[in-house]
Amino acid sequence: QTSLRDLTQRALFDKGTVKATFPGVSVVQISCLRSCGGLLWGYHNMQRQYLARQANNEFMRPLSFKVIEGGNHFWHWDFPKDFMKTLASSVRGGI
């Protein structure tokens, strides 16, 4: 888990990594409220880090957050049209 955390920090918050690796790409973190607790914790933890860095005017990759009210971790299976619409919107920068 330490390796995954380090890679996430570099991919989102390290200026050198962001500028060298997909520099024009923004990230949308989508979380479904009916998912298991660990996934929701990850969403809120990342949002907390983002807001803290934003408040300190620190460099970071463009990052936004989207909550899916009725979805769970099989949202793509249960509601494929909604999933694809949200995914397409995030790719186009509409979220």
Foldseek 3Di string as FASTA:
>chain_A
DVVVVVVVCCCWANPVSCCVPVVVDAEEAEAEPPEDPVRVVVQVVVVVVVVVCVVVVGDTGHYYYHYHDHDYPCCCVVPVVVVVVVVVCVVVVND
